[in-house]
Amino acid sequence: MQDIDVGEKALASYVALRIDDVAIKQGCVGWIDSKDRTCQRAPVPDAMLCKRHRNVALKREQKARIKQKEQADRTKAYRAENLPKWRAERELIEAQMEHYGSPATNDRAAYGGATHPSIRRKQLQQLSDTNVRRMADLSQRWQRLTELIGDHT
């Protein structure tokens, strides 16, 4: 099994249930549903499959590649369509995070000693369960949008 090309092993995976040394020594590893066993005919040189199963595998591989290309095109179009929406939503989330997470005041002296009651209330609000949950949700959504946009910093 070591001397067979990786591409041939990948091709065999389109028609074989399992690929191991024992199966290769017995012949073609292509699976025959009607007989519930492997083909076991002599494989094409430097391959794991007989001529018939190799042709079937090549057709299946071609169909799979077309399907992958179509999926990639759909993904690209979806991303292009939604990228501006994702960026706008991320900016909105950043503004909300700044609003809910910002300190009550930028005056460092307000945090030491006796503070004004309004500043103290704002400090306590920041540590409330509701605000912590809100910030966690915003952070999680921001992270997901950053992954979707693809500009990790």
Protein backbone atom coordinates (compact mmCIF):
# COMPACT_ATOMS: atom_id res chain seq x y z
CA MET A 1 0.00 0.00 0.00
CA GLN A 2 3.03 2.25 0.40
CA ASP A 3 3.88 2.25 -3.33
CA ILE A 4 0.43 3.46 -4.48
CA ASP A 5 -0.01 7.16 -5.18
CA VAL A 6 -2.08 9.19 -2.71
CA GLY A 7 -4.26 10.40 -5.60
CA GLU A 8 -5.09 6.81 -6.48
CA LYS A 9 -6.02 6.08 -2.88
CA ALA A 10 -8.28 9.14 -2.87
CA LEU A 11 -9.83 8.02 -6.16
CA ALA A 12 -10.49 4.57 -4.74
CA SER A 13 -12.38 6.11 -1.84
CA TYR A 14 -15.19 7.03 -4.27
CA VAL A 15 -16.04 3.36 -4.96
CA ALA A 16 -14.52 1.38 -2.09
CA LEU A 17 -15.90 0.88 1.39
CA ARG A 18 -12.54 0.37 2.97
CA ILE A 19 -8.99 0.34 1.80
CA ASP A 20 -6.37 -1.76 3.55
CA ASP A 21 -3.39 -3.94 2.62
CA VAL A 22 -5.39 -7.17 2.64
CA ALA A 23 -7.99 -5.83 0.21
CA ILE A 24 -5.34 -4.56 -2.20
CA LYS A 25 -3.59 -7.94 -2.30
CA GLN A 26 -6.89 -9.58 -3.25
CA GLY A 27 -7.48 -7.28 -6.26
CA CYS A 28 -9.73 -4.31 -7.07
CA VAL A 29 -11.18 -2.75 -3.91
CA GLY A 30 -14.29 -1.40 -5.67
CA TRP A 31 -17.47 -2.40 -3.87
CA ILE A 32 -20.22 -4.30 -5.68
CA ASP A 33 -23.55 -3.74 -3.93
CA SER A 34 -25.44 -6.48 -5.73
CA LYS A 35 -22.90 -9.12 -4.68
CA ASP A 36 -22.14 -7.54 -1.30
CA ARG A 37 -18.39 -7.90 -1.76
CA THR A 38 -15.38 -6.25 -3.39
CA CYS A 39 -14.70 -6.61 -7.12
CA GLN A 40 -11.35 -8.45 -6.76
CA ARG A 41 -10.47 -8.18 -10.48
CA ALA A 42 -6.90 -7.34 -11.41
CA PRO A 43 -6.30 -3.62 -10.87
CA VAL A 44 -4.86 -1.26 -13.47
CA PRO A 45 -1.04 -0.93 -13.03
CA ASP A 46 -0.07 1.40 -10.17
CA ALA A 47 -3.70 1.67 -9.05
CA MET A 48 -6.10 0.04 -6.61
CA LEU A 49 -9.05 -0.29 -8.98
CA CYS A 50 -9.87 -2.25 -12.09
CA LYS A 51 -10.53 -0.32 -15.32
CA ARG A 52 -14.32 -0.26 -14.81
CA HIS A 53 -14.26 0.93 -11.18
CA ARG A 54 -11.52 3.46 -11.99
CA ASN A 55 -13.74 5.02 -14.68
CA VAL A 56 -16.70 5.12 -12.26
CA ALA A 57 -14.49 6.72 -9.61
CA LEU A 58 -13.21 9.32 -12.09
CA LYS A 59 -16.80 10.28 -12.99
CA ARG A 60 -17.77 10.54 -9.33
CA GLU A 61 -14.69 12.63 -8.60
CA GLN A 62 -15.53 14.98 -11.47
CA LYS A 63 -19.10 15.39 -10.18
CA ALA A 64 -17.78 16.02 -6.67
CA ARG A 65 -15.39 18.70 -7.92
CA ILE A 66 -18.21 20.43 -9.81
CA LYS A 67 -20.37 20.32 -6.69
CA GLN A 68 -17.52 21.74 -4.58
CA LYS A 69 -16.98 24.56 -7.09
CA GLU A 70 -20.69 25.42 -7.07
CA GLN A 71 -20.70 25.42 -3.26
CA ALA A 72 -17.63 27.67 -3.20
CA ASP A 73 -19.32 30.07 -5.62
CA ARG A 74 -22.50 30.15 -3.51
CA THR A 75 -20.43 30.77 -0.38
CA LYS A 76 -18.51 33.57 -2.08
CA ALA A 77 -21.72 35.24 -3.29
CA TYR A 78 -23.34 34.90 0.15
CA ARG A 79 -20.29 36.40 1.83
CA ALA A 80 -20.12 39.30 -0.65
CA GLU A 81 -23.82 40.02 -0.12
CA ASN A 82 -23.66 39.95 3.68
CA LEU A 83 -20.25 41.52 4.35
CA PRO A 84 -21.56 45.13 4.52
CA LYS A 85 -24.38 44.03 6.85
CA TRP A 86 -21.94 42.20 9.11
CA ARG A 87 -19.61 45.20 9.27
CA ALA A 88 -22.48 47.57 10.11
CA GLU A 89 -23.76 45.22 12.80
CA ARG A 90 -20.27 44.88 14.27
CA GLU A 91 -19.92 48.67 14.46
CA LEU A 92 -23.28 48.86 16.23
CA ILE A 93 -22.20 46.19 18.70
CA GLU A 94 -18.91 48.02 19.33
CA ALA A 95 -20.87 51.20 20.10
CA GLN A 96 -23.15 49.29 22.50
CA MET A 97 -20.14 47.69 24.19
CA GLU A 98 -18.57 51.12 24.59
CA HIS A 99 -21.81 52.47 26.06
CA TYR A 100 -22.47 49.64 28.51
CA GLY A 101 -18.83 49.02 29.42
CA SER A 102 -17.51 52.54 29.76
CA PRO A 103 -16.72 53.90 33.20
CA ALA A 104 -19.16 56.30 34.87
CA THR A 105 -16.59 59.06 34.60
CA ASN A 106 -13.09 59.47 33.29
CA ASP A 107 -12.07 61.34 36.41
CA ARG A 108 -9.77 58.96 38.30
CA ALA A 109 -10.25 60.95 41.49
CA ALA A 110 -13.93 59.97 41.51
CA TYR A 111 -13.06 56.33 42.18
CA GLY A 112 -11.16 56.89 45.39
CA GLY A 113 -12.68 57.89 48.70
CA ALA A 114 -16.13 59.44 48.83
CA THR A 115 -17.82 59.47 45.43
CA HIS A 116 -20.85 61.23 44.17
CA PRO A 117 -24.00 59.05 44.50
CA SER A 118 -24.65 59.12 40.73
CA ILE A 119 -21.14 57.79 40.02
CA ARG A 120 -21.55 55.09 42.65
CA ARG A 121 -24.86 53.98 41.13
CA LYS A 122 -23.25 53.80 37.68
CA GLN A 123 -20.40 51.69 39.08
CA LEU A 124 -22.85 49.25 40.66
CA GLN A 125 -24.90 49.07 37.45
CA GLN A 126 -21.83 47.98 35.52
CA LEU A 127 -21.43 44.98 37.79
CA SER A 128 -25.08 43.95 37.70
CA ASP A 129 -25.92 40.48 36.42
CA THR A 130 -27.93 41.96 33.59
CA ASN A 131 -25.10 44.16 32.38
CA VAL A 132 -22.53 41.38 32.65
CA ARG A 133 -24.83 39.05 30.66
CA ARG A 134 -25.45 41.78 28.08
CA MET A 135 -21.72 42.41 27.67
CA ALA A 136 -21.04 38.68 27.36
CA ASP A 137 -23.70 38.36 24.63
CA LEU A 138 -22.37 41.39 22.80
CA SER A 139 -18.82 40.10 23.04
CA GLN A 140 -19.83 36.69 21.72
CA ARG A 141 -21.73 38.22 18.79
CA TRP A 142 -18.83 40.59 18.05
CA GLN A 143 -16.43 37.65 17.99
CA ARG A 144 -18.69 35.68 15.61
CA LEU A 145 -19.03 38.64 13.26
CA THR A 146 -15.27 39.17 13.27
CA GLU A 147 -14.81 35.52 12.26
CA LEU A 148 -17.38 35.89 9.47
CA ILE A 149 -15.77 39.09 8.21
CA GLY A 150 -12.33 37.51 8.42
CA ASP A 151 -10.28 40.45 9.66
CA HIS A 152 -8.98 39.03 12.92
CA THR A 153 -6.75 41.47 14.70
